Amino acid sequence: MSDINLIEAKNLYRYFGETHAVDGVSISVKAGEIYGLVGSDGAGKTTTMRLLVGALLADSGDATICGYDVKKHTEDARAQLGYLSQRFSLYEDLTVLENIRFFAEVRGLKPNEWYPRSMEILEFVGLANFASRRAGQLSGGMKQKLGLASALVTRPRVLLLDEPTTGVDPVTRQDFWQLLIQITSAPLNPSPLPAGEGQRGEGEVAVLISTPYMDEAARCNRVGFMRHGKIIAEGTPSQLRSRLTDRVIELRGSPLKLLRQVAHRDSDVEDVRAFGDRLHLRVREGKADLVASRLPSAIRSEGGEVDDLRIIPAVLEDVFIELSEQAYE
C-alpha cells in the first residue's frame, strides 16, 4: 500500500434546506486501500460520493482526487476516477460491449485502445461470454459487474462505488469483492497510457465504497461509520472492534423472548440485540464475568433454558449499534 492519498476530503458540508446531509466529513484514502463508508439509509453516504465525483458542489470544505481540486479542476479530477452509482445507469438497449465502448470513447480512447482494453476487462469481471448480450437482459449481479467494467475501462486511479452490491445474491457479492481485492492488490494491466495521458492508470488504485453490510465493512482496510451526515468513528475493523473488548456476551437458549427480557433487567447490561437464533448482550466495562455468572440462574428461575452463554469478541454490528446510541445521546 502506498503512502499517497489519492482521495482527500476535508470538512465537507452540504445542506439541503435545514437538512445537514454532509456535516463536516473528512476522508483520506491511500493508493492500494479500500475504505468503507458504512451507515444506514439517509446517513449521507451517497451525498458524500456525489461531492467527491463533482456531481454536487459542497457548501464548504475541500476535496481532491489524485491531487486535482474537485471544485477548480472538475474534469481533471473526474478523469482520474471510475464511478459506480447505486442504480444501474448504463444503456439497457446496448450490448455489454457497446456500453463499455461508449464510456471508453467518451473518455477519449481510440479504437485500437478501447477494444483490447474492453475485452481484457470483460474477461476480468467474467462477462467475456456475454459481450453481445443486451444490458437489459443481464441479471442484477451481472449488471453491477458491467458497471464495474465500464468504470475500469479507462484505468482509473480512484474507484467510487456507491452500495454496488445492494440487492444482489451472496455469491455475486463474494465475486464482486474478490474483484475489488484483485484491483487494489494487483492493478489490471498497469502499463502506461499513451503519451499525454499523464500518470492516470499506473500504480495502485484507491477504492471508496459505501455499504450498509457489516460483513463487507470487515473486508475493508479502514472503515468510517457515518450517521446523520457525520463520521462518528473511523479505523481499521480490528481497531473499531477493540472498543468493545470483553463487553459482549453471546446467549443462546429458549424461549428467546424470555431470555431477552431477563437480560434487559440486569443493571449491568446496556443493550440486547437478536443475532439470528441468539442474543448479543453489551455489558458495562469490567462486568462481563459478573453478568455471565448470575444470568443463567436468573433465566432458569423464570422457566427459561440456557444452551450456551459466553464472552465473545465484538463484531462490527455491535460497535455500530453502540456508536449510534452514543451519537443519538
C-alpha atoms as a PDB file:
ATOM      1  CA  MET A   1       0.000   0.000   0.000  1.00  0.00           C
ATOM      2  CA  SER A   2       1.294   3.446  -0.940  1.00  0.00           C
ATOM      3  CA  ASP A   3       1.538   6.474   1.369  1.00  0.00           C
ATOM      4  CA  ILE A   4      -0.022   8.693  -1.298  1.00  0.00           C
ATOM      5  CA  ASN A   5      -3.568   9.913  -0.614  1.00  0.00           C
ATOM      6  CA  LEU A   6      -5.476   9.630  -3.881  1.00  0.00           C
ATOM      7  CA  ILE A   7      -8.717  10.750  -2.217  1.00  0.00           C
ATOM      8  CA  GLU A   8      -8.588  13.685   0.187  1.00  0.00           C
ATOM      9  CA  ALA A   9     -11.667  15.377   1.635  1.00  0.00           C
ATOM     10  CA  LYS A  10     -11.513  17.981   4.394  1.00  0.00           C
ATOM     11  CA  ASN A  11     -14.517  19.330   6.301  1.00  0.00           C
ATOM     12  CA  LEU A  12     -17.096  18.791   3.568  1.00  0.00           C
ATOM     13  CA  TYR A  13     -20.511  20.331   4.208  1.00  0.00           C
ATOM     14  CA  ARG A  14     -23.631  20.061   2.090  1.00  0.00           C
ATOM     15  CA  TYR A  15     -27.054  21.307   3.149  1.00  0.00           C
ATOM     16  CA  PHE A  16     -30.471  20.744   1.638  1.00  0.00           C
ATOM     17  CA  GLY A  17     -32.554  23.404   3.347  1.00  0.00           C
ATOM     18  CA  GLU A  18     -32.415  22.584   7.059  1.00  0.00           C
ATOM     19  CA  THR A  19     -31.025  19.097   6.438  1.00  0.00           C
ATOM     20  CA  HIS A  20     -27.290  18.665   7.036  1.00  0.00           C
ATOM     21  CA  ALA A  21     -26.748  15.861   4.536  1.00  0.00           C
ATOM     22  CA  VAL A  22     -22.958  16.032   4.886  1.00  0.00           C
ATOM     23  CA  ASP A  23     -21.787  17.665   8.083  1.00  0.00           C
ATOM     24  CA  GLY A  24     -18.030  18.180   8.329  1.00  0.00           C
ATOM     25  CA  VAL A  25     -16.850  14.961   6.662  1.00  0.00           C
ATOM     26  CA  SER A  26     -13.095  14.384   6.271  1.00  0.00           C
ATOM     27  CA  ILE A  27     -11.784  11.287   4.467  1.00  0.00           C
ATOM     28  CA  SER A  28      -8.414  10.252   3.096  1.00  0.00           C
ATOM     29  CA  VAL A  29      -7.792   7.086   1.082  1.00  0.00           C
ATOM     30  CA  LYS A  30      -4.356   5.897   0.019  1.00  0.00           C
ATOM     31  CA  ALA A  31      -3.361   4.070  -3.140  1.00  0.00           C
ATOM     32  CA  GLY A  32      -3.955   0.346  -2.656  1.00  0.00           C
ATOM     33  CA  GLU A  33      -6.523   0.891   0.108  1.00  0.00           C
ATOM     34  CA  ILE A  34     -10.226   0.012   0.349  1.00  0.00           C
ATOM     35  CA  TYR A  35     -12.085   2.470   2.584  1.00  0.00           C
ATOM     36  CA  GLY A  36     -15.601   1.505   3.629  1.00  0.00           C
ATOM     37  CA  LEU A  37     -18.161   4.226   4.283  1.00  0.00           C
ATOM     38  CA  VAL A  38     -20.750   2.479   6.428  1.00  0.00           C
ATOM     39  CA  GLY A  39     -24.135   3.654   7.589  1.00  0.00           C
ATOM     40  CA  SER A  40     -27.871   3.221   7.298  1.00  0.00           C
ATOM     41  CA  ASP A  41     -30.063   4.834   4.628  1.00  0.00           C
ATOM     42  CA  GLY A  42     -30.021   8.607   4.957  1.00  0.00           C
ATOM     43  CA  ALA A  43     -26.644   8.713   6.708  1.00  0.00           C
ATOM     44  CA  GLY A  44     -25.114  10.847   3.942  1.00  0.00           C
ATOM     45  CA  LYS A  45     -23.024   8.250   2.105  1.00  0.00           C
ATOM     46  CA  THR A  46     -24.392   8.902  -1.384  1.00  0.00           C
ATOM     47  CA  THR A  47     -24.210  12.688  -0.996  1.00  0.00           C
ATOM     48  CA  THR A  48     -20.569  12.364   0.063  1.00  0.00           C
ATOM     49  CA  MET A  49     -19.863  10.294  -3.048  1.00  0.00           C
ATOM     50  CA  ARG A  50     -21.541  12.879  -5.274  1.00  0.00           C
ATOM     51  CA  LEU A  51     -19.472  15.651  -3.751  1.00  0.00           C
ATOM     52  CA  LEU A  52     -16.286  13.712  -4.482  1.00  0.00           C
ATOM     53  CA  VAL A  53     -17.258  12.989  -8.088  1.00  0.00           C
ATOM     54  CA  GLY A  54     -18.255  16.608  -8.671  1.00  0.00           C
ATOM     55  CA  ALA A  55     -21.933  15.890  -9.297  1.00  0.00           C
ATOM     56  CA  LEU A  56     -22.784  18.180  -6.365  1.00  0.00           C
ATOM     57  CA  LEU A  57     -20.934  21.241  -5.102  1.00  0.00           C
ATOM     58  CA  ALA A  58     -20.016  21.392  -1.435  1.00  0.00           C
ATOM     59  CA  ASP A  59     -21.294  24.381   0.537  1.00  0.00           C
ATOM     60  CA  SER A  60     -17.858  24.441   2.160  1.00  0.00           C
ATOM     61  CA  GLY A  61     -14.795  22.259   2.503  1.00  0.00           C
ATOM     62  CA  ASP A  62     -12.258  20.900   0.034  1.00  0.00           C
ATOM     63  CA  ALA A  63     -11.855  17.667  -1.911  1.00  0.00           C
ATOM     64  CA  THR A  64      -9.101  16.436  -4.201  1.00  0.00           C
ATOM     65  CA  ILE A  65      -8.811  13.382  -6.432  1.00  0.00           C
ATOM     66  CA  CYS A  66      -5.215  12.458  -7.258  1.00  0.00           C
ATOM     67  CA  GLY A  67      -4.213  15.995  -6.317  1.00  0.00           C
ATOM     68  CA  TYR A  68      -6.837  17.719  -8.507  1.00  0.00           C
ATOM     69  CA  ASP A  69      -9.221  20.070  -6.730  1.00  0.00           C
ATOM     70  CA  VAL A  70     -12.748  18.803  -7.433  1.00  0.00           C
ATOM     71  CA  LYS A  71     -14.180  22.350  -7.495  1.00  0.00           C
ATOM     72  CA  LYS A  72     -11.486  24.080  -9.532  1.00  0.00           C
ATOM     73  CA  HIS A  73     -10.369  21.235 -11.803  1.00  0.00           C
ATOM     74  CA  THR A  74     -13.508  19.105 -12.004  1.00  0.00           C
ATOM     75  CA  GLU A  75     -12.812  17.460 -15.359  1.00  0.00           C
ATOM     76  CA  ASP A  76      -9.197  16.666 -14.464  1.00  0.00           C
ATOM     77  CA  ALA A  77     -10.382  15.088 -11.218  1.00  0.00           C
ATOM     78  CA  ARG A  78     -13.094  13.089 -12.976  1.00  0.00           C
ATOM     79  CA  ALA A  79     -10.562  11.802 -15.491  1.00  0.00           C
ATOM     80  CA  GLN A  80      -8.793  10.031 -12.646  1.00  0.00           C
ATOM     81  CA  LEU A  81     -11.786   8.110 -11.318  1.00  0.00           C
ATOM     82  CA  GLY A  82     -14.342   5.460 -12.096  1.00  0.00           C
ATOM     83  CA  TYR A  83     -17.783   5.817 -10.516  1.00  0.00           C
ATOM     84  CA  LEU A  84     -20.463   3.192  -9.961  1.00  0.00           C
ATOM     85  CA  SER A  85     -23.771   4.530  -8.653  1.00  0.00           C
ATOM     86  CA  GLN A  86     -26.402   2.717  -6.593  1.00  0.00           C
ATOM     87  CA  ARG A  87     -28.734   2.194  -9.526  1.00  0.00           C
ATOM     88  CA  PHE A  88     -27.840   0.622 -12.852  1.00  0.00           C
ATOM     89  CA  SER A  89     -27.205   3.644 -15.063  1.00  0.00           C
ATOM     90  CA  LEU A  90     -25.949   2.102 -18.306  1.00  0.00           C
ATOM     91  CA  TYR A  91     -27.875   1.749 -21.569  1.00  0.00           C
ATOM     92  CA  GLU A  92     -30.112  -1.316 -21.500  1.00  0.00           C
ATOM     93  CA  ASP A  93     -30.689  -1.303 -25.280  1.00  0.00           C
ATOM     94  CA  LEU A  94     -26.958  -1.513 -25.976  1.00  0.00           C
ATOM     95  CA  THR A  95     -24.929  -4.685 -25.670  1.00  0.00           C
ATOM     96  CA  VAL A  96     -22.375  -5.244 -22.961  1.00  0.00           C
ATOM     97  CA  LEU A  97     -19.503  -4.389 -25.295  1.00  0.00           C
ATOM     98  CA  GLU A  98     -21.303  -1.357 -26.758  1.00  0.00           C
ATOM     99  CA  ASN A  99     -21.797   0.069 -23.270  1.00  0.00           C
ATOM    100  CA  ILE A 100     -18.122  -0.235 -22.456  1.00  0.00           C
ATOM    101  CA  ARG A 101     -17.182   1.183 -25.853  1.00  0.00           C
ATOM    102  CA  PHE A 102     -19.381   4.224 -25.231  1.00  0.00           C
ATOM    103  CA  PHE A 103     -17.666   5.088 -21.953  1.00  0.00           C
ATOM    104  CA  ALA A 104     -14.232   4.374 -23.403  1.00  0.00           C
ATOM    105  CA  GLU A 105     -14.747   6.678 -26.381  1.00  0.00           C
ATOM    106  CA  VAL A 106     -16.281   9.418 -24.240  1.00  0.00           C
ATOM    107  CA  ARG A 107     -13.033   9.361 -22.271  1.00  0.00           C
ATOM    108  CA  GLY A 108     -11.012   9.644 -25.473  1.00  0.00           C
ATOM    109  CA  LEU A 109      -9.793   6.084 -26.079  1.00  0.00           C
ATOM    110  CA  LYS A 110      -9.152   5.305 -29.735  1.00  0.00           C
ATOM    111  CA  PRO A 111     -10.456   2.101 -31.417  1.00  0.00           C
ATOM    112  CA  ASN A 112      -7.060   0.412 -31.208  1.00  0.00           C
ATOM    113  CA  GLU A 113      -7.076   1.145 -27.471  1.00  0.00           C
ATOM    114  CA  TRP A 114     -10.659   0.585 -26.327  1.00  0.00           C
ATOM    115  CA  TYR A 115     -11.319  -2.795 -27.932  1.00  0.00           C
ATOM    116  CA  PRO A 116      -8.413  -4.792 -26.439  1.00  0.00           C
ATOM    117  CA  ARG A 117      -8.909  -2.976 -23.135  1.00  0.00           C
ATOM    118  CA  SER A 118     -12.649  -3.753 -23.138  1.00  0.00           C
ATOM    119  CA  MET A 119     -12.113  -7.439 -23.855  1.00  0.00           C
ATOM    120  CA  GLU A 120      -9.471  -7.604 -21.140  1.00  0.00           C
ATOM    121  CA  ILE A 121     -11.880  -6.013 -18.639  1.00  0.00           C
ATOM    122  CA  LEU A 122     -14.780  -8.287 -19.640  1.00  0.00           C
ATOM    123  CA  GLU A 123     -12.569 -11.321 -19.127  1.00  0.00           C
ATOM    124  CA  PHE A 124     -11.530  -9.959 -15.743  1.00  0.00           C
ATOM    125  CA  VAL A 125     -15.106  -9.457 -14.480  1.00  0.00           C
ATOM    126  CA  GLY A 126     -16.391 -12.701 -16.002  1.00  0.00           C
ATOM    127  CA  LEU A 127     -18.557 -11.211 -18.772  1.00  0.00           C
ATOM    128  CA  ALA A 128     -16.462 -12.111 -21.822  1.00  0.00           C
ATOM    129  CA  ASN A 129     -19.055 -14.675 -22.958  1.00  0.00           C
ATOM    130  CA  PHE A 130     -21.837 -12.075 -22.736  1.00  0.00           C
ATOM    131  CA  ALA A 131     -20.250  -9.283 -24.798  1.00  0.00           C
ATOM    132  CA  SER A 132     -23.065  -9.361 -27.385  1.00  0.00           C
ATOM    133  CA  ARG A 133     -25.947  -9.616 -24.891  1.00  0.00           C
ATOM    134  CA  ARG A 134     -28.088  -6.538 -24.324  1.00  0.00           C
ATOM    135  CA  ALA A 135     -27.513  -4.967 -20.938  1.00  0.00           C
ATOM    136  CA  GLY A 136     -31.233  -5.045 -20.162  1.00  0.00           C
ATOM    137  CA  GLN A 137     -31.166  -8.854 -20.349  1.00  0.00           C
ATOM    138  CA  LEU A 138     -28.485  -9.232 -17.668  1.00  0.00           C
ATOM    139  CA  SER A 139     -29.171 -10.325 -14.098  1.00  0.00           C
ATOM    140  CA  GLY A 140     -28.746  -7.802 -11.294  1.00  0.00           C
ATOM    141  CA  GLY A 141     -25.318  -9.112 -10.374  1.00  0.00           C
ATOM    142  CA  MET A 142     -24.131  -9.123 -13.978  1.00  0.00           C
ATOM    143  CA  LYS A 143     -25.317  -5.532 -14.396  1.00  0.00           C
ATOM    144  CA  GLN A 144     -23.170  -4.497 -11.436  1.00  0.00           C
ATOM    145  CA  LYS A 145     -20.189  -6.286 -12.968  1.00  0.00           C
ATOM    146  CA  LEU A 146     -20.837  -4.430 -16.225  1.00  0.00           C
ATOM    147  CA  GLY A 147     -20.937  -1.186 -14.275  1.00  0.00           C
ATOM    148  CA  LEU A 148     -17.594  -2.043 -12.701  1.00  0.00           C
ATOM    149  CA  ALA A 149     -16.152  -2.952 -16.104  1.00  0.00           C
ATOM    150  CA  SER A 150     -17.273   0.402 -17.545  1.00  0.00           C
ATOM    151  CA  ALA A 151     -15.712   2.217 -14.592  1.00  0.00           C
ATOM    152  CA  LEU A 152     -12.410   0.368 -15.090  1.00  0.00           C
ATOM    153  CA  VAL A 153     -12.049   0.733 -18.855  1.00  0.00           C
ATOM    154  CA  THR A 154     -10.047   3.974 -18.644  1.00  0.00           C
ATOM    155  CA  ARG A 155      -7.652   2.621 -15.982  1.00  0.00           C
ATOM    156  CA  PRO A 156      -8.768   4.968 -13.165  1.00  0.00           C
ATOM    157  CA  ARG A 157      -6.590   5.642 -10.144  1.00  0.00           C
ATOM    158  CA  VAL A 158      -9.690   6.006  -7.945  1.00  0.00           C
ATOM    159  CA  LEU A 159     -12.914   3.972  -7.721  1.00  0.00           C
ATOM    160  CA  LEU A 160     -16.018   5.412  -6.059  1.00  0.00           C
ATOM    161  CA  LEU A 161     -18.566   2.644  -5.542  1.00  0.00           C
ATOM    162  CA  ASP A 162     -21.935   3.566  -4.039  1.00  0.00           C
ATOM    163  CA  GLU A 163     -23.523   0.451  -2.484  1.00  0.00           C
ATOM    164  CA  PRO A 164     -22.575  -1.672  -5.504  1.00  0.00           C
ATOM    165  CA  THR A 165     -23.809  -4.985  -4.073  1.00  0.00           C
ATOM    166  CA  THR A 166     -27.213  -3.919  -2.779  1.00  0.00           C
ATOM    167  CA  GLY A 167     -29.868  -6.350  -3.978  1.00  0.00           C
ATOM    168  CA  VAL A 168     -27.533  -8.946  -5.479  1.00  0.00           C
ATOM    169  CA  ASP A 169     -27.191 -12.555  -4.334  1.00  0.00           C
ATOM    170  CA  PRO A 170     -24.494 -13.670  -1.846  1.00  0.00           C
ATOM    171  CA  VAL A 171     -22.412 -15.483  -4.470  1.00  0.00           C
ATOM    172  CA  THR A 172     -22.278 -12.392  -6.683  1.00  0.00           C
ATOM    173  CA  ARG A 173     -21.362 -10.241  -3.683  1.00  0.00           C
ATOM    174  CA  GLN A 174     -18.469 -12.585  -2.980  1.00  0.00           C
ATOM    175  CA  ASP A 175     -17.354 -12.456  -6.627  1.00  0.00           C
ATOM    176  CA  PHE A 176     -17.573  -8.669  -6.650  1.00  0.00           C
ATOM    177  CA  TRP A 177     -15.375  -8.358  -3.572  1.00  0.00           C
ATOM    178  CA  GLN A 178     -12.802 -10.743  -4.987  1.00  0.00           C
ATOM    179  CA  LEU A 179     -12.572  -8.429  -8.000  1.00  0.00           C
ATOM    180  CA  LEU A 180     -12.077  -5.391  -5.748  1.00  0.00           C
ATOM    181  CA  ILE A 181      -9.330  -7.111  -3.779  1.00  0.00           C
ATOM    182  CA  GLN A 182      -7.567  -8.043  -7.008  1.00  0.00           C
ATOM    183  CA  ILE A 183      -7.870  -4.477  -8.316  1.00  0.00           C
ATOM    184  CA  THR A 184      -6.254  -2.943  -5.235  1.00  0.00           C
ATOM    185  CA  SER A 185      -3.584  -5.583  -4.733  1.00  0.00           C
ATOM    186  CA  ALA A 186      -2.522  -6.001  -8.384  1.00  0.00           C
ATOM    187  CA  PRO A 187      -3.942  -3.372 -10.752  1.00  0.00           C
ATOM    188  CA  LEU A 188      -5.276  -4.759 -14.002  1.00  0.00           C
ATOM    189  CA  ASN A 189      -2.766  -4.119 -16.813  1.00  0.00           C
ATOM    190  CA  PRO A 190      -0.730  -1.364 -15.146  1.00  0.00           C
ATOM    191  CA  SER A 191       1.028  -0.427 -18.378  1.00  0.00           C
ATOM    192  CA  PRO A 192       1.052   3.325 -19.014  1.00  0.00           C
ATOM    193  CA  LEU A 193      -1.473   5.023 -21.231  1.00  0.00           C
ATOM    194  CA  PRO A 194      -0.412   6.769 -24.442  1.00  0.00           C
ATOM    195  CA  ALA A 195       1.700   9.911 -24.202  1.00  0.00           C
ATOM    196  CA  GLY A 196      -0.210  12.928 -22.987  1.00  0.00           C
ATOM    197  CA  GLU A 197      -2.382  10.978 -20.563  1.00  0.00           C
ATOM    198  CA  GLY A 198      -0.145  11.611 -17.562  1.00  0.00           C
ATOM    199  CA  GLN A 199       0.106   9.050 -14.799  1.00  0.00           C
ATOM    200  CA  ARG A 200      -3.552   8.016 -14.826  1.00  0.00           C
ATOM    201  CA  GLY A 201      -3.968   4.283 -14.541  1.00  0.00           C
ATOM    202  CA  GLU A 202      -0.452   3.498 -13.329  1.00  0.00           C
ATOM    203  CA  GLY A 203       0.160   2.026  -9.909  1.00  0.00           C
ATOM    204  CA  GLU A 204      -2.272   1.038  -7.181  1.00  0.00           C
ATOM    205  CA  VAL A 205      -5.920   2.008  -7.082  1.00  0.00           C
ATOM    206  CA  ALA A 206      -7.742   3.681  -4.183  1.00  0.00           C
ATOM    207  CA  VAL A 207     -11.305   2.453  -3.542  1.00  0.00           C
ATOM    208  CA  LEU A 208     -14.009   4.269  -1.584  1.00  0.00           C
ATOM    209  CA  ILE A 209     -17.049   2.026  -1.215  1.00  0.00           C
ATOM    210  CA  SER A 210     -20.273   2.723   0.649  1.00  0.00           C
ATOM    211  CA  THR A 211     -22.188  -0.203   2.080  1.00  0.00           C
ATOM    212  CA  PRO A 212     -24.887  -0.994   4.654  1.00  0.00           C
ATOM    213  CA  TYR A 213     -23.443  -4.504   5.145  1.00  0.00           C
ATOM    214  CA  MET A 214     -21.140  -5.079   8.112  1.00  0.00           C
ATOM    215  CA  ASP A 215     -19.618  -8.231   6.612  1.00  0.00           C
ATOM    216  CA  GLU A 216     -18.446  -6.080   3.705  1.00  0.00           C
ATOM    217  CA  ALA A 217     -17.135  -3.428   6.075  1.00  0.00           C
ATOM    218  CA  ALA A 218     -14.986  -6.104   7.704  1.00  0.00           C
ATOM    219  CA  ARG A 219     -13.226  -6.657   4.353  1.00  0.00           C
ATOM    220  CA  CYS A 220     -12.081  -3.019   4.130  1.00  0.00           C
ATOM    221  CA  ASN A 221      -8.667  -1.746   5.181  1.00  0.00           C
ATOM    222  CA  ARG A 222     -10.334   1.102   7.051  1.00  0.00           C
ATOM    223  CA  VAL A 223     -13.927   1.913   7.904  1.00  0.00           C
ATOM    224  CA  GLY A 224     -15.767   5.151   8.617  1.00  0.00           C
ATOM    225  CA  PHE A 225     -19.094   4.816  10.420  1.00  0.00           C
ATOM    226  CA  MET A 226     -21.478   7.536   9.226  1.00  0.00           C
ATOM    227  CA  ARG A 227     -24.615   8.824  10.912  1.00  0.00           C
ATOM    228  CA  HIS A 228     -26.659  11.980  10.232  1.00  0.00           C
ATOM    229  CA  GLY A 229     -24.020  13.349   7.878  1.00  0.00           C
ATOM    230  CA  LYS A 230     -21.104  12.880  10.265  1.00  0.00           C
ATOM    231  CA  ILE A 231     -18.363  10.262  10.519  1.00  0.00           C
ATOM    232  CA  ILE A 232     -18.765   9.189  14.132  1.00  0.00           C
ATOM    233  CA  ALA A 233     -15.803   6.762  14.223  1.00  0.00           C
ATOM    234  CA  GLU A 234     -13.004   5.671  11.936  1.00  0.00           C
ATOM    235  CA  GLY A 235     -10.317   2.999  11.990  1.00  0.00           C
ATOM    236  CA  THR A 236      -9.416  -0.489  10.885  1.00  0.00           C
ATOM    237  CA  PRO A 237     -12.053  -3.145  11.584  1.00  0.00           C
ATOM    238  CA  SER A 238      -9.912  -4.569  14.400  1.00  0.00           C
ATOM    239  CA  GLN A 239      -9.431  -1.119  15.957  1.00  0.00           C
ATOM    240  CA  LEU A 240     -13.163  -0.495  15.928  1.00  0.00           C
ATOM    241  CA  ARG A 241     -13.974  -3.919  17.397  1.00  0.00           C
ATOM    242  CA  SER A 242     -11.485  -3.317  20.209  1.00  0.00           C
ATOM    243  CA  ARG A 243     -13.829  -0.641  21.595  1.00  0.00           C
ATOM    244  CA  LEU A 244     -15.937  -3.476  22.992  1.00  0.00           C
ATOM    245  CA  THR A 245     -13.244  -5.927  24.103  1.00  0.00           C
ATOM    246  CA  ASP A 246     -14.688  -8.216  26.837  1.00  0.00           C
ATOM    247  CA  ARG A 247     -18.000  -6.383  26.728  1.00  0.00           C
ATOM    248  CA  VAL A 248     -20.121  -8.666  24.515  1.00  0.00           C
ATOM    249  CA  ILE A 249     -21.821 -11.858  25.733  1.00  0.00           C
ATOM    250  CA  GLU A 250     -23.464 -14.319  23.369  1.00  0.00           C
ATOM    251  CA  LEU A 251     -26.550 -16.026  24.805  1.00  0.00           C
ATOM    252  CA  ARG A 252     -28.416 -18.969  23.290  1.00  0.00           C
ATOM    253  CA  GLY A 253     -31.436 -20.687  24.767  1.00  0.00           C
ATOM    254  CA  SER A 254     -35.220 -20.634  24.833  1.00  0.00           C
ATOM    255  CA  PRO A 255     -37.645 -19.031  24.751  1.00  0.00           C
ATOM    256  CA  LEU A 256     -35.668 -16.177  23.188  1.00  0.00           C
ATOM    257  CA  LYS A 257     -38.226 -13.557  24.222  1.00  0.00           C
ATOM    258  CA  LEU A 258     -37.885 -14.518  27.891  1.00  0.00           C
ATOM    259  CA  LEU A 259     -34.081 -14.535  27.685  1.00  0.00           C
ATOM    260  CA  ARG A 260     -34.187 -11.044  26.246  1.00  0.00           C
ATOM    261  CA  GLN A 261     -36.497  -9.753  28.958  1.00  0.00           C
ATOM    262  CA  VAL A 262     -34.372 -11.182  31.773  1.00  0.00           C
ATOM    263  CA  ALA A 263     -31.147  -9.873  30.245  1.00  0.00           C
ATOM    264  CA  HIS A 264     -32.644  -6.383  29.865  1.00  0.00           C
ATOM    265  CA  ARG A 265     -33.431  -6.282  33.576  1.00  0.00           C
ATOM    266  CA  ASP A 266     -29.801  -6.825  34.561  1.00  0.00           C
ATOM    267  CA  SER A 267     -28.393  -3.479  35.704  1.00  0.00           C
ATOM    268  CA  ASP A 268     -25.013  -4.153  34.060  1.00  0.00           C
ATOM    269  CA  VAL A 269     -26.469  -4.974  30.638  1.00  0.00           C
ATOM    270  CA  GLU A 270     -26.526  -1.903  28.382  1.00  0.00           C
ATOM    271  CA  ASP A 271     -28.136  -3.401  25.299  1.00  0.00           C
ATOM    272  CA  VAL A 272     -29.596  -6.670  23.984  1.00  0.00           C
ATOM    273  CA  ARG A 273     -29.845  -7.478  20.275  1.00  0.00           C
ATOM    274  CA  ALA A 274     -31.018 -10.557  18.400  1.00  0.00           C
ATOM    275  CA  PHE A 275     -28.500 -12.124  16.010  1.00  0.00           C
ATOM    276  CA  GLY A 276     -30.441 -14.924  14.352  1.00  0.00           C
ATOM    277  CA  ASP A 277     -31.165 -17.610  16.965  1.00  0.00           C
ATOM    278  CA  ARG A 278     -29.012 -15.975  19.651  1.00  0.00           C
ATOM    279  CA  LEU A 279     -28.635 -12.739  21.570  1.00  0.00           C
ATOM    280  CA  HIS A 280     -25.716 -10.350  21.886  1.00  0.00           C
ATOM    281  CA  LEU A 281     -25.568  -8.603  25.239  1.00  0.00           C
ATOM    282  CA  ARG A 282     -23.429  -5.488  25.575  1.00  0.00           C
ATOM    283  CA  VAL A 283     -22.391  -5.054  29.187  1.00  0.00           C
ATOM    284  CA  ARG A 284     -20.677  -2.344  31.191  1.00  0.00           C
ATOM    285  CA  GLU A 285     -16.907  -2.309  31.161  1.00  0.00           C
ATOM    286  CA  GLY A 286     -15.447  -4.841  33.587  1.00  0.00           C
ATOM    287  CA  LYS A 287     -18.828  -6.500  34.275  1.00  0.00           C
ATOM    288  CA  ALA A 288     -18.870  -9.342  31.710  1.00  0.00           C
ATOM    289  CA  ASP A 289     -17.773 -12.104  34.124  1.00  0.00           C
ATOM    290  CA  LEU A 290     -20.244 -10.943  36.752  1.00  0.00           C
ATOM    291  CA  VAL A 291     -23.170 -10.881  34.314  1.00  0.00           C
ATOM    292  CA  ALA A 292     -22.185 -14.253  32.855  1.00  0.00           C
ATOM    293  CA  SER A 293     -22.148 -15.830  36.331  1.00  0.00           C
ATOM    294  CA  ARG A 294     -25.542 -14.604  37.539  1.00  0.00           C
ATOM    295  CA  LEU A 295     -27.635 -14.547  34.364  1.00  0.00           C
ATOM    296  CA  PRO A 296     -28.185 -18.346  33.936  1.00  0.00           C
ATOM    297  CA  SER A 297     -29.802 -18.728  37.353  1.00  0.00           C
ATOM    298  CA  ALA A 298     -31.991 -15.671  36.753  1.00  0.00           C
ATOM    299  CA  ILE A 299     -33.206 -17.167  33.467  1.00  0.00           C
ATOM    300  CA  ARG A 300     -33.856 -20.629  34.898  1.00  0.00           C
ATOM    301  CA  SER A 301     -35.756 -19.166  37.840  1.00  0.00           C
ATOM    302  CA  GLU A 302     -38.323 -17.850  35.356  1.00  0.00           C
ATOM    303  CA  GLY A 303     -38.605 -21.110  33.415  1.00  0.00           C
ATOM    304  CA  GLY A 304     -36.131 -20.420  30.642  1.00  0.00           C
ATOM    305  CA  GLU A 305     -33.310 -22.617  29.357  1.00  0.00           C
ATOM    306  CA  VAL A 306     -29.718 -21.616  28.677  1.00  0.00           C
ATOM    307  CA  ASP A 307     -27.944 -23.613  25.965  1.00  0.00           C
ATOM    308  CA  ASP A 308     -24.805 -21.500  25.797  1.00  0.00           C
ATOM    309  CA  LEU A 309     -23.507 -18.309  27.394  1.00  0.00           C
ATOM    310  CA  ARG A 310     -20.011 -16.967  26.755  1.00  0.00           C
ATOM    311  CA  ILE A 311     -17.987 -13.797  26.326  1.00  0.00           C
ATOM    312  CA  ILE A 312     -17.147 -13.310  22.629  1.00  0.00           C
ATOM    313  CA  PRO A 313     -15.199 -10.802  20.504  1.00  0.00           C
ATOM    314  CA  ALA A 314     -17.387  -7.964  19.294  1.00  0.00           C
ATOM    315  CA  VAL A 315     -18.479  -7.838  15.663  1.00  0.00           C
ATOM    316  CA  LEU A 316     -18.851  -4.582  13.736  1.00  0.00           C
ATOM    317  CA  GLU A 317     -22.632  -4.638  14.191  1.00  0.00           C
ATOM    318  CA  ASP A 318     -22.095  -4.440  17.956  1.00  0.00           C
ATOM    319  CA  VAL A 319     -19.768  -1.490  17.535  1.00  0.00           C
ATOM    320  CA  PHE A 320     -22.048   0.354  15.119  1.00  0.00           C
ATOM    321  CA  ILE A 321     -25.028  -0.017  17.451  1.00  0.00           C
ATOM    322  CA  GLU A 322     -23.003   1.291  20.408  1.00  0.00           C
ATOM    323  CA  LEU A 323     -21.668   4.233  18.406  1.00  0.00           C
ATOM    324  CA  SER A 324     -25.126   5.076  17.062  1.00  0.00           C
ATOM    325  CA  GLU A 325     -26.534   5.167  20.579  1.00  0.00           C
ATOM    326  CA  GLN A 326     -23.743   7.482  21.709  1.00  0.00           C
ATOM    327  CA  ALA A 327     -24.283   9.791  18.732  1.00  0.00           C
ATOM    328  CA  TYR A 328     -28.025   9.863  19.423  1.00  0.00           C
ATOM    329  CA  GLU A 329     -27.459  10.732  23.081  1.00  0.00           C
END
